[in-house]
Amino acid sequence: SIPGQLQNSEWQQREREAATFLQELSELSAGRFMPSE
């Protein structure tokens, strides 16, 4: 198991950047960005 601090910092930052990129890609193509569990 990795320390919880890593999950709450570096990994979450990567997730935010990834979500922003996918949203831009979808909106540019006139599709939709759909976050989902």
Full PDB file with SEQRES, HELIX, SHEET, SSBOND, CRYST1, ORIGX, SCALE, CONECT and MASTER records, all heavy atoms in Angstrom:
SEQRES   1 A   37  SER ILE PRO GLY GLN LEU GLN ASN SER GLU TRP GLN GLN          
SEQRES   2 A   37  ARG GLU ARG GLU ALA ALA THR PHE LEU GLN GLU LEU SER          
SEQRES   3 A   37  GLU LEU SER ALA GLY ARG PHE MET PRO SER GLU                  
HELIX    1 AA1 GLY A    4  LEU A    6  1                                   3    
HELIX    2 AA2 GLN A    7  TRP A   11  3                                   5    
HELIX    3 AA3 GLN A   12  SER A   29  1                                  18    
CRYST1    1.000    1.000    1.000  90.00  90.00  90.00 P 1           1          
ORIGX1      1.000000  0.000000  0.000000        0.00000                         
ORIGX2      0.000000  1.000000  0.000000        0.00000                         
ORIGX3      0.000000  0.000000  1.000000        0.00000                         
SCALE1      1.000000  0.000000  0.000000        0.00000                         
SCALE2      0.000000  1.000000  0.000000        0.00000                         
SCALE3      0.000000  0.000000  1.000000        0.00000                         
ATOM      1  N   SER A   1       0.848  -1.187   0.000  1.00  0.00           N  
ATOM      2  CA  SER A   1       0.000   0.000   0.000  1.00  0.00           C  
ATOM      3  C   SER A   1       0.885   1.237   0.000  1.00  0.00           C  
ATOM      4  O   SER A   1       1.924   1.275   0.663  1.00  0.00           O  
ATOM      5  CB  SER A   1      -0.910   0.015   1.234  1.00  0.00           C  
ATOM      6  OG  SER A   1      -1.808  -1.077   1.198  1.00  0.00           O  
ATOM      7  N   ILE A   2       0.478   2.247  -0.746  1.00  0.00           N  
ATOM      8  CA  ILE A   2       1.238   3.487  -0.768  1.00  0.00           C  
ATOM      9  C   ILE A   2       0.698   4.434   0.293  1.00  0.00           C  
ATOM     10  O   ILE A   2      -0.440   4.300   0.738  1.00  0.00           O  
ATOM     11  CB  ILE A   2       1.159   4.163  -2.146  1.00  0.00           C  
ATOM     12  CG1 ILE A   2      -0.287   4.557  -2.458  1.00  0.00           C  
ATOM     13  CG2 ILE A   2       1.709   3.264  -3.235  1.00  0.00           C  
ATOM     14  CD1 ILE A   2      -0.419   5.408  -3.692  1.00  0.00           C  
ATOM     15  N   PRO A   3       1.512   5.383   0.734  1.00  0.00           N  
ATOM     16  CA  PRO A   3       1.038   6.342   1.747  1.00  0.00           C  
ATOM     17  C   PRO A   3      -0.151   7.142   1.244  1.00  0.00           C  
ATOM     18  O   PRO A   3      -0.219   7.505   0.067  1.00  0.00           O  
ATOM     19  CB  PRO A   3       2.265   7.240   1.970  1.00  0.00           C  
ATOM     20  CG  PRO A   3       3.431   6.433   1.504  1.00  0.00           C  
ATOM     21  CD  PRO A   3       2.909   5.576   0.383  1.00  0.00           C  
ATOM     22  N   GLY A   4      -1.093   7.403   2.118  1.00  0.00           N  
ATOM     23  CA  GLY A   4      -2.274   8.167   1.740  1.00  0.00           C  
ATOM     24  C   GLY A   4      -1.941   9.557   1.269  1.00  0.00           C  
ATOM     25  O   GLY A   4      -2.647  10.126   0.453  1.00  0.00           O  
ATOM     26  N   GLN A   5      -0.823  10.113   1.758  1.00  0.00           N  
ATOM     27  CA  GLN A   5      -0.441  11.462   1.365  1.00  0.00           C  
ATOM     28  C   GLN A   5      -0.189  11.556  -0.136  1.00  0.00           C  
ATOM     29  O   GLN A   5      -0.539  12.542  -0.785  1.00  0.00           O  
ATOM     30  CB  GLN A   5       0.809  11.899   2.128  1.00  0.00           C  
ATOM     31  CG  GLN A   5       1.220  13.337   1.820  1.00  0.00           C  
ATOM     32  CD  GLN A   5       2.446  13.752   2.615  1.00  0.00           C  
ATOM     33  OE1 GLN A   5       3.005  12.970   3.390  1.00  0.00           O  
ATOM     34  NE2 GLN A   5       2.868  14.988   2.445  1.00  0.00           N  
ATOM     35  N   LEU A   6       0.416  10.488  -0.731  1.00  0.00           N  
ATOM     36  CA  LEU A   6       0.682  10.493  -2.151  1.00  0.00           C  
ATOM     37  C   LEU A   6      -0.626  10.529  -2.939  1.00  0.00           C  
ATOM     38  O   LEU A   6      -0.766  11.259  -3.909  1.00  0.00           O  
ATOM     39  CB  LEU A   6       1.505   9.264  -2.555  1.00  0.00           C  
ATOM     40  CG  LEU A   6       1.782   9.112  -4.064  1.00  0.00           C  
ATOM     41  CD1 LEU A   6       2.559  10.308  -4.584  1.00  0.00           C  
ATOM     42  CD2 LEU A   6       2.544   7.816  -4.338  1.00  0.00           C  
ATOM     43  N   GLN A   7      -1.590   9.719  -2.480  1.00  0.00           N  
ATOM     44  CA  GLN A   7      -2.863   9.687  -3.177  1.00  0.00           C  
ATOM     45  C   GLN A   7      -3.545  11.044  -3.121  1.00  0.00           C  
ATOM     46  O   GLN A   7      -4.210  11.457  -4.063  1.00  0.00           O  
ATOM     47  CB  GLN A   7      -3.777   8.626  -2.573  1.00  0.00           C  
ATOM     48  CG  GLN A   7      -5.093   8.482  -3.343  1.00  0.00           C  
ATOM     49  CD  GLN A   7      -5.998   7.455  -2.733  1.00  0.00           C  
ATOM     50  OE1 GLN A   7      -5.843   7.094  -1.576  1.00  0.00           O  
ATOM     51  NE2 GLN A   7      -6.951   6.972  -3.503  1.00  0.00           N  
ATOM     52  N   ASN A   8      -3.368  11.747  -2.008  1.00  0.00           N  
ATOM     53  CA  ASN A   8      -4.069  13.010  -1.830  1.00  0.00           C  
ATOM     54  C   ASN A   8      -3.361  14.186  -2.489  1.00  0.00           C  
ATOM     55  O   ASN A   8      -3.889  15.287  -2.482  1.00  0.00           O  
ATOM     56  CB  ASN A   8      -4.236  13.301  -0.333  1.00  0.00           C  
ATOM     57  CG  ASN A   8      -5.180  12.306   0.328  1.00  0.00           C  
ATOM     58  OD1 ASN A   8      -6.099  11.801  -0.314  1.00  0.00           O  
ATOM     59  ND2 ASN A   8      -4.943  11.998   1.591  1.00  0.00           N  
ATOM     60  N   SER A   9      -2.179  13.965  -3.050  1.00  0.00           N  
ATOM     61  CA  SER A   9      -1.446  15.076  -3.646  1.00  0.00           C  
ATOM     62  C   SER A   9      -1.116  14.814  -5.106  1.00  0.00           C  
ATOM     63  O   SER A   9      -1.815  15.292  -6.011  1.00  0.00           O  
ATOM     64  CB  SER A   9      -0.161  15.347  -2.850  1.00  0.00           C  
ATOM     65  OG  SER A   9       0.619  14.148  -2.768  1.00  0.00           O  
ATOM     66  N   GLU A  10      -0.063  14.035  -5.350  1.00  0.00           N  
ATOM     67  CA  GLU A  10       0.396  13.828  -6.726  1.00  0.00           C  
ATOM     68  C   GLU A  10      -0.660  13.151  -7.589  1.00  0.00           C  
ATOM     69  O   GLU A  10      -0.920  13.567  -8.721  1.00  0.00           O  
ATOM     70  CB  GLU A  10       1.684  13.002  -6.720  1.00  0.00           C  
ATOM     71  CG  GLU A  10       2.863  13.685  -6.056  1.00  0.00           C  
ATOM     72  CD  GLU A  10       4.093  12.808  -6.077  1.00  0.00           C  
ATOM     73  OE1 GLU A  10       4.231  12.007  -7.023  1.00  0.00           O  
ATOM     74  OE2 GLU A  10       4.918  12.912  -5.165  1.00  0.00           O  
ATOM     75  N   TRP A  11      -1.262  12.080  -7.085  1.00  0.00           N  
ATOM     76  CA  TRP A  11      -2.223  11.340  -7.896  1.00  0.00           C  
ATOM     77  C   TRP A  11      -3.460  12.167  -8.200  1.00  0.00           C  
ATOM     78  O   TRP A  11      -3.961  12.159  -9.319  1.00  0.00           O  
ATOM     79  CB  TRP A  11      -2.614  10.049  -7.177  1.00  0.00           C  
ATOM     80  CG  TRP A  11      -3.474   9.152  -8.035  1.00  0.00           C  
ATOM     81  CD1 TRP A  11      -4.821   8.998  -7.996  1.00  0.00           C  
ATOM     82  CD2 TRP A  11      -3.016   8.296  -9.097  1.00  0.00           C  
ATOM     83  NE1 TRP A  11      -5.249   8.106  -8.942  1.00  0.00           N  
ATOM     84  CE2 TRP A  11      -4.158   7.654  -9.627  1.00  0.00           C  
ATOM     85  CE3 TRP A  11      -1.767   8.015  -9.633  1.00  0.00           C  
ATOM     86  CZ2 TRP A  11      -4.076   6.737 -10.681  1.00  0.00           C  
ATOM     87  CZ3 TRP A  11      -1.683   7.095 -10.684  1.00  0.00           C  
ATOM     88  CH2 TRP A  11      -2.837   6.477 -11.189  1.00  0.00           C  
ATOM     89  N   GLN A  12      -3.950  12.915  -7.220  1.00  0.00           N  
ATOM     90  CA  GLN A  12      -5.126  13.746  -7.445  1.00  0.00           C  
ATOM     91  C   GLN A  12      -4.831  14.863  -8.446  1.00  0.00           C  
ATOM     92  O   GLN A  12      -5.700  15.227  -9.241  1.00  0.00           O  
ATOM     93  CB  GLN A  12      -5.631  14.325  -6.127  1.00  0.00           C  
ATOM     94  CG  GLN A  12      -6.293  13.280  -5.229  1.00  0.00           C  
ATOM     95  CD  GLN A  12      -6.964  13.900  -4.022  1.00  0.00           C  
ATOM     96  OE1 GLN A  12      -6.823  15.094  -3.772  1.00  0.00           O  
ATOM     97  NE2 GLN A  12      -7.697  13.098  -3.266  1.00  0.00           N  
ATOM     98  N   GLN A  13      -3.615  15.396  -8.410  1.00  0.00           N  
ATOM     99  CA  GLN A  13      -3.234  16.413  -9.374  1.00  0.00           C  
ATOM    100  C   GLN A  13      -3.229  15.834 -10.793  1.00  0.00           C  
ATOM    101  O   GLN A  13      -3.710  16.464 -11.737  1.00  0.00           O  
ATOM    102  CB  GLN A  13      -1.854  16.983  -9.043  1.00  0.00           C  
ATOM    103  CG  GLN A  13      -1.334  18.025 -10.020  1.00  0.00           C  
ATOM    104  CD  GLN A  13      -2.229  19.256 -10.105  1.00  0.00           C  
ATOM    105  OE1 GLN A  13      -2.905  19.614  -9.141  1.00  0.00           O  
ATOM    106  NE2 GLN A  13      -2.239  19.909 -11.264  1.00  0.00           N  
ATOM    107  N   ARG A  14      -2.725  14.621 -10.937  1.00  0.00           N  
ATOM    108  CA  ARG A  14      -2.738  13.953 -12.242  1.00  0.00           C  
ATOM    109  C   ARG A  14      -4.171  13.729 -12.712  1.00  0.00           C  
ATOM    110  O   ARG A  14      -4.475  13.901 -13.901  1.00  0.00           O  
ATOM    111  CB  ARG A  14      -2.004  12.609 -12.158  1.00  0.00           C  
ATOM    112  CG  ARG A  14      -0.507  12.711 -11.930  1.00  0.00           C  
ATOM    113  CD  ARG A  14       0.084  11.325 -11.811  1.00  0.00           C  
ATOM    114  NE  ARG A  14       1.458  11.351 -11.360  1.00  0.00           N  
ATOM    115  CZ  ARG A  14       2.160  10.264 -11.058  1.00  0.00           C  
ATOM    116  NH1 ARG A  14       1.593   9.072 -11.162  1.00  0.00           N  
ATOM    117  NH2 ARG A  14       3.411  10.368 -10.658  1.00  0.00           N  
ATOM    118  N   GLU A  15      -5.046  13.343 -11.794  1.00  0.00           N  
ATOM    119  CA  GLU A  15      -6.447  13.121 -12.164  1.00  0.00           C  
ATOM    120  C   GLU A  15      -7.107  14.414 -12.625  1.00  0.00           C  
ATOM    121  O   GLU A  15      -7.868  14.418 -13.598  1.00  0.00           O  
ATOM    122  CB  GLU A  15      -7.211  12.529 -10.982  1.00  0.00           C  
ATOM    123  CG  GLU A  15      -6.913  11.070 -10.715  1.00  0.00           C  
ATOM    124  CD  GLU A  15      -7.834  10.484  -9.667  1.00  0.00           C  
ATOM    125  OE1 GLU A  15      -8.254  11.233  -8.755  1.00  0.00           O  
ATOM    126  OE2 GLU A  15      -8.125   9.281  -9.745  1.00  0.00           O  
ATOM    127  N   ARG A  16      -6.828  15.511 -11.944  1.00  0.00           N  
ATOM    128  CA  ARG A  16      -7.425  16.796 -12.341  1.00  0.00           C  
ATOM    129  C   ARG A  16      -6.956  17.205 -13.738  1.00  0.00           C  
ATOM    130  O   ARG A  16      -7.741  17.668 -14.561  1.00  0.00           O  
ATOM    131  CB  ARG A  16      -7.069  17.883 -11.318  1.00  0.00           C  
ATOM    132  CG  ARG A  16      -7.847  17.781 -10.007  1.00  0.00           C  
ATOM    133  CD  ARG A  16      -7.677  19.029  -9.170  1.00  0.00           C  
ATOM    134  NE  ARG A  16      -6.301  19.172  -8.699  1.00  0.00           N  
ATOM    135  CZ  ARG A  16      -5.867  18.695  -7.532  1.00  0.00           C  
ATOM    136  NH1 ARG A  16      -6.687  18.030  -6.727  1.00  0.00           N  
ATOM    137  NH2 ARG A  16      -4.621  18.879  -7.156  1.00  0.00           N  
ATOM    138  N   GLU A  17      -5.668  17.041 -13.997  1.00  0.00           N  
ATOM    139  CA  GLU A  17      -5.124  17.393 -15.308  1.00  0.00           C  
ATOM    140  C   GLU A  17      -5.715  16.503 -16.401  1.00  0.00           C  
ATOM    141  O   GLU A  17      -6.027  16.972 -17.500  1.00  0.00           O  
ATOM    142  CB  GLU A  17      -3.603  17.279 -15.287  1.00  0.00           C  
ATOM    143  CG  GLU A  17      -2.923  18.320 -14.402  1.00  0.00           C  
ATOM    144  CD  GLU A  17      -1.438  18.077 -14.254  1.00  0.00           C  
ATOM    145  OE1 GLU A  17      -0.960  17.034 -14.766  1.00  0.00           O  
ATOM    146  OE2 GLU A  17      -0.753  18.911 -13.629  1.00  0.00           O  
ATOM    147  N   ALA A  18      -5.852  15.212 -16.098  1.00  0.00           N  
ATOM    148  CA  ALA A  18      -6.414  14.275 -17.077  1.00  0.00           C  
ATOM    149  C   ALA A  18      -7.863  14.612 -17.379  1.00  0.00           C  
ATOM    150  O   ALA A  18      -8.295  14.600 -18.542  1.00  0.00           O  
ATOM    151  CB  ALA A  18      -6.302  12.846 -16.540  1.00  0.00           C  
ATOM    152  N   ALA A  19      -8.645  14.913 -16.347  1.00  0.00           N  
ATOM    153  CA  ALA A  19     -10.052  15.251 -16.546  1.00  0.00           C  
ATOM    154  C   ALA A  19     -10.196  16.538 -17.364  1.00  0.00           C  
ATOM    155  O   ALA A  19     -11.061  16.637 -18.237  1.00  0.00           O  
ATOM    156  CB  ALA A  19     -10.748  15.401 -15.199  1.00  0.00           C  
ATOM    157  N   THR A  20      -9.340  17.518 -17.100  1.00  0.00           N  
ATOM    158  CA  THR A  20      -9.381  18.773 -17.851  1.00  0.00           C  
ATOM    159  C   THR A  20      -9.097  18.535 -19.333  1.00  0.00           C  
ATOM    160  O   THR A  20      -9.759  19.094 -20.216  1.00  0.00           O  
ATOM    161  CB  THR A  20      -8.361  19.771 -17.279  1.00  0.00           C  
ATOM    162  OG1 THR A  20      -8.701  20.071 -15.920  1.00  0.00           O  
ATOM    163  CG2 THR A  20      -8.348  21.061 -18.089  1.00  0.00           C  
ATOM    164  N   PHE A  21      -8.107  17.682 -19.612  1.00  0.00           N  
ATOM    165  CA  PHE A  21      -7.773  17.361 -20.996  1.00  0.00           C  
ATOM    166  C   PHE A  21      -8.935  16.669 -21.702  1.00  0.00           C  
ATOM    167  O   PHE A  21      -9.308  17.023 -22.827  1.00  0.00           O  
ATOM    168  CB  PHE A  21      -6.532  16.477 -21.039  1.00  0.00           C  
ATOM    169  CG  PHE A  21      -6.352  15.761 -22.349  1.00  0.00           C  
ATOM    170  CD1 PHE A  21      -6.095  16.469 -23.505  1.00  0.00           C  
ATOM    171  CD2 PHE A  21      -6.461  14.386 -22.425  1.00  0.00           C  
ATOM    172  CE1 PHE A  21      -5.937  15.818 -24.723  1.00  0.00           C  
ATOM    173  CE2 PHE A  21      -6.314  13.720 -23.628  1.00  0.00           C  
ATOM    174  CZ  PHE A  21      -6.048  14.443 -24.779  1.00  0.00           C  
ATOM    175  N   LEU A  22      -9.543  15.668 -21.068  1.00  0.00           N  
ATOM    176  CA  LEU A  22     -10.657  14.951 -21.684  1.00  0.00           C  
ATOM    177  C   LEU A  22     -11.851  15.864 -21.908  1.00  0.00           C  
ATOM    178  O   LEU A  22     -12.557  15.745 -22.918  1.00  0.00           O  
ATOM    179  CB  LEU A  22     -11.058  13.763 -20.813  1.00  0.00           C  
ATOM    180  CG  LEU A  22     -10.064  12.605 -20.734  1.00  0.00           C  
ATOM    181  CD1 LEU A  22     -10.599  11.498 -19.825  1.00  0.00           C  
ATOM    182  CD2 LEU A  22      -9.756  12.042 -22.120  1.00  0.00           C  
ATOM    183  N   GLN A  23     -12.086  16.770 -20.984  1.00  0.00           N  
ATOM    184  CA  GLN A  23     -13.199  17.706 -21.149  1.00  0.00           C  
ATOM    185  C   GLN A  23     -12.953  18.626 -22.340  1.00  0.00           C  
ATOM    186  O   GLN A  23     -13.860  18.878 -23.146  1.00  0.00           O  
ATOM    187  CB  GLN A  23     -13.384  18.533 -19.876  1.00  0.00           C  
ATOM    188  CG  GLN A  23     -14.593  19.458 -19.929  1.00  0.00           C  
ATOM    189  CD  GLN A  23     -14.941  20.030 -18.563  1.00  0.00           C  
ATOM    190  OE1 GLN A  23     -14.177  19.890 -17.605  1.00  0.00           O  
ATOM    191  NE2 GLN A  23     -16.085  20.654 -18.450  1.00  0.00           N  
ATOM    192  N   GLU A  24     -11.739  19.119 -22.483  1.00  0.00           N  
ATOM    193  CA  GLU A  24     -11.418  19.988 -23.621  1.00  0.00           C  
ATOM    194  C   GLU A  24     -11.567  19.234 -24.933  1.00  0.00           C  
ATOM    195  O   GLU A  24     -12.112  19.763 -25.907  1.00  0.00           O  
ATOM    196  CB  GLU A  24      -9.986  20.516 -23.478  1.00  0.00           C  
ATOM    197  CG  GLU A  24      -9.579  21.460 -24.601  1.00  0.00           C  
ATOM    198  CD  GLU A  24      -8.170  21.994 -24.426  1.00  0.00           C  
ATOM    199  OE1 GLU A  24      -7.475  21.564 -23.482  1.00  0.00           O  
ATOM    200  OE2 GLU A  24      -7.758  22.834 -25.246  1.00  0.00           O  
ATOM    201  N   LEU A  25     -11.083  17.995 -24.959  1.00  0.00           N  
ATOM    202  CA  LEU A  25     -11.177  17.182 -26.165  1.00  0.00           C  
ATOM    203  C   LEU A  25     -12.636  16.952 -26.561  1.00  0.00           C  
ATOM    204  O   LEU A  25     -13.005  17.086 -27.732  1.00  0.00           O  
ATOM    205  CB  LEU A  25     -10.472  15.840 -25.926  1.00  0.00           C  
ATOM    206  CG  LEU A  25     -10.507  14.818 -27.055  1.00  0.00           C  
ATOM    207  CD1 LEU A  25      -9.754  15.341 -28.273  1.00  0.00           C  
ATOM    208  CD2 LEU A  25      -9.903  13.494 -26.581  1.00  0.00           C  
ATOM    209  N   SER A  26     -13.466  16.620 -25.595  1.00  0.00           N  
ATOM    210  CA  SER A  26     -14.879  16.351 -25.883  1.00  0.00           C  
ATOM    211  C   SER A  26     -15.611  17.601 -26.340  1.00  0.00           C  
ATOM    212  O   SER A  26     -16.371  17.575 -27.318  1.00  0.00           O  
ATOM    213  CB  SER A  26     -15.561  15.770 -24.642  1.00  0.00           C  
ATOM    214  OG  SER A  26     -15.024  14.500 -24.322  1.00  0.00           O  
ATOM    215  N   GLU A  27     -15.404  18.698 -25.659  1.00  0.00           N  
ATOM    216  CA  GLU A  27     -16.099  19.929 -26.011  1.00  0.00           C  
ATOM    217  C   GLU A  27     -15.676  20.438 -27.381  1.00  0.00           C  
ATOM    218  O   GLU A  27     -16.497  20.938 -28.151  1.00  0.00           O  
ATOM    219  CB  GLU A  27     -15.852  20.993 -24.935  1.00  0.00           C  
ATOM    220  CG  GLU A  27     -16.521  20.669 -23.605  1.00  0.00           C  
ATOM    221  CD  GLU A  27     -16.248  21.702 -22.538  1.00  0.00           C  
ATOM    222  OE1 GLU A  27     -15.412  22.606 -22.801  1.00  0.00           O  
ATOM    223  OE2 GLU A  27     -16.850  21.616 -21.455  1.00  0.00           O  
ATOM    224  N   LEU A  28     -14.403  20.291 -27.720  1.00  0.00           N  
ATOM    225  CA  LEU A  28     -13.925  20.731 -29.013  1.00  0.00           C  
ATOM    226  C   LEU A  28     -14.570  19.950 -30.146  1.00  0.00           C  
ATOM    227  O   LEU A  28     -14.853  20.490 -31.216  1.00  0.00           O  
ATOM    228  CB  LEU A  28     -12.402  20.592 -29.086  1.00  0.00           C  
ATOM    229  CG  LEU A  28     -11.726  21.102 -30.346  1.00  0.00           C  
ATOM    230  CD1 LEU A  28     -11.909  22.607 -30.490  1.00  0.00           C  
ATOM    231  CD2 LEU A  28     -10.253  20.751 -30.338  1.00  0.00           C  
ATOM    232  N   SER A  29     -14.831  18.667 -29.913  1.00  0.00           N  
ATOM    233  CA  SER A  29     -15.421  17.819 -30.945  1.00  0.00           C  
ATOM    234  C   SER A  29     -16.939  17.901 -30.967  1.00  0.00           C  
ATOM    235  O   SER A  29     -17.579  17.271 -31.815  1.00  0.00           O  
ATOM    236  CB  SER A  29     -15.013  16.362 -30.706  1.00  0.00           C  
ATOM    237  OG  SER A  29     -15.717  15.822 -29.600  1.00  0.00           O  
ATOM    238  N   ALA A  30     -17.531  18.641 -30.026  1.00  0.00           N  
ATOM    239  CA  ALA A  30     -18.987  18.760 -29.859  1.00  0.00           C  
ATOM    240  C   ALA A  30     -19.593  17.532 -29.221  1.00  0.00           C  
ATOM    241  O   ALA A  30     -20.799  17.315 -29.294  1.00  0.00           O  
ATOM    242  CB  ALA A  30     -19.694  19.083 -31.167  1.00  0.00           C  
ATOM    243  N   GLY A  31     -18.761  16.721 -28.572  1.00  0.00           N  
ATOM    244  CA  GLY A  31     -19.267  15.587 -27.813  1.00  0.00           C  
ATOM    245  C   GLY A  31     -19.551  15.986 -26.378  1.00  0.00           C  
ATOM    246  O   GLY A  31     -19.888  17.146 -26.106  1.00  0.00           O  
ATOM    247  N   ARG A  32     -19.371  15.045 -25.467  1.00  0.00           N  
ATOM    248  CA  ARG A  32     -19.629  15.344 -24.053  1.00  0.00           C  
ATOM    249  C   ARG A  32     -18.582  14.688 -23.182  1.00  0.00           C  
ATOM    250  O   ARG A  32     -18.095  13.591 -23.474  1.00  0.00           O  
ATOM    251  CB  ARG A  32     -21.016  14.834 -23.630  1.00  0.00           C  
ATOM    252  CG  ARG A  32     -22.176  15.624 -24.172  1.00  0.00           C  
ATOM    253  CD  ARG A  32     -23.494  15.082 -23.657  1.00  0.00           C  
ATOM    254  NE  ARG A  32     -23.607  15.172 -22.219  1.00  0.00           N  
ATOM    255  CZ  ARG A  32     -24.568  14.596 -21.488  1.00  0.00           C  
ATOM    256  NH1 ARG A  32     -25.491  13.874 -22.109  1.00  0.00           N  
ATOM    257  NH2 ARG A  32     -24.617  14.734 -20.191  1.00  0.00           N  
ATOM    258  N   PHE A  33     -18.244  15.364 -22.093  1.00  0.00           N  
ATOM    259  CA  PHE A  33     -17.376  14.824 -21.054  1.00  0.00           C  
ATOM    260  C   PHE A  33     -18.272  14.285 -19.956  1.00  0.00           C  
ATOM    261  O   PHE A  33     -19.118  15.005 -19.427  1.00  0.00           O  
ATOM    262  CB  PHE A  33     -16.459  15.918 -20.512  1.00  0.00           C  
ATOM    263  CG  PHE A  33     -15.676  15.523 -19.296  1.00  0.00           C  
ATOM    264  CD1 PHE A  33     -14.642  14.607 -19.380  1.00  0.00           C  
ATOM    265  CD2 PHE A  33     -15.980  16.061 -18.048  1.00  0.00           C  
ATOM    266  CE1 PHE A  33     -13.918  14.242 -18.261  1.00  0.00           C  
ATOM    267  CE2 PHE A  33     -15.264  15.705 -16.920  1.00  0.00           C  
ATOM    268  CZ  PHE A  33     -14.222  14.796 -17.028  1.00  0.00           C  
ATOM    269  N   MET A  34     -18.097  13.000 -19.605  1.00  0.00           N  
ATOM    270  CA  MET A  34     -19.011  12.355 -18.667  1.00  0.00           C  
ATOM    271  C   MET A  34     -18.225  11.627 -17.578  1.00  0.00           C  
ATOM    272  O   MET A  34     -17.844  10.456 -17.739  1.00  0.00           O  
ATOM    273  CB  MET A  34     -19.926  11.387 -19.414  1.00  0.00           C  
ATOM    274  CG  MET A  34     -20.681  12.044 -20.563  1.00  0.00           C  
ATOM    275  SD  MET A  34     -21.821  10.946 -21.427  1.00  0.00           S  
ATOM    276  CE  MET A  34     -23.139  10.795 -20.193  1.00  0.00           C  
ATOM    277  N   PRO A  35     -17.937  12.287 -16.469  1.00  0.00           N  
ATOM    278  CA  PRO A  35     -17.291  11.592 -15.357  1.00  0.00           C  
ATOM    279  C   PRO A  35     -18.214  10.538 -14.779  1.00  0.00           C  
ATOM    280  O   PRO A  35     -19.433  10.735 -14.705  1.00  0.00           O  
ATOM    281  CB  PRO A  35     -17.013  12.719 -14.352  1.00  0.00           C  
ATOM    282  CG  PRO A  35     -17.972  13.800 -14.702  1.00  0.00           C  
ATOM    283  CD  PRO A  35     -18.208  13.701 -16.173  1.00  0.00           C  
ATOM    284  N   SER A  36     -17.651   9.405 -14.385  1.00  0.00           N  
ATOM    285  CA  SER A  36     -18.483   8.308 -13.903  1.00  0.00           C  
ATOM    286  C   SER A  36     -17.706   7.450 -12.915  1.00  0.00           C  
ATOM    287  O   SER A  36     -16.516   7.213 -13.090  1.00  0.00           O  
ATOM    288  CB  SER A  36     -18.951   7.436 -15.074  1.00  0.00           C  
ATOM    289  OG  SER A  36     -19.659   6.300 -14.628  1.00  0.00           O  
ATOM    290  N   GLU A  37     -18.390   6.999 -11.901  1.00  0.00           N  
ATOM    291  CA  GLU A  37     -17.818   5.983 -11.037  1.00  0.00           C  
ATOM    292  C   GLU A  37     -17.821   4.653 -11.798  1.00  0.00           C  
ATOM    293  O   GLU A  37     -18.690   4.405 -12.640  1.00  0.00           O  
ATOM    294  CB  GLU A  37     -18.634   5.849  -9.749  1.00  0.00           C  
ATOM    295  CG  GLU A  37     -18.691   7.103  -8.895  1.00  0.00           C  
ATOM    296  CD  GLU A  37     -17.341   7.482  -8.320  1.00  0.00           C  
ATOM    297  OE1 GLU A  37     -16.510   6.561  -8.149  1.00  0.00           O  
ATOM    298  OE2 GLU A  37     -17.119   8.671  -8.060  1.00  0.00           O  
TER     299      GLU A  37                                                      
MASTER        0    0    0    3    0    0    0    6  298    1    0    3          
END                                                                             
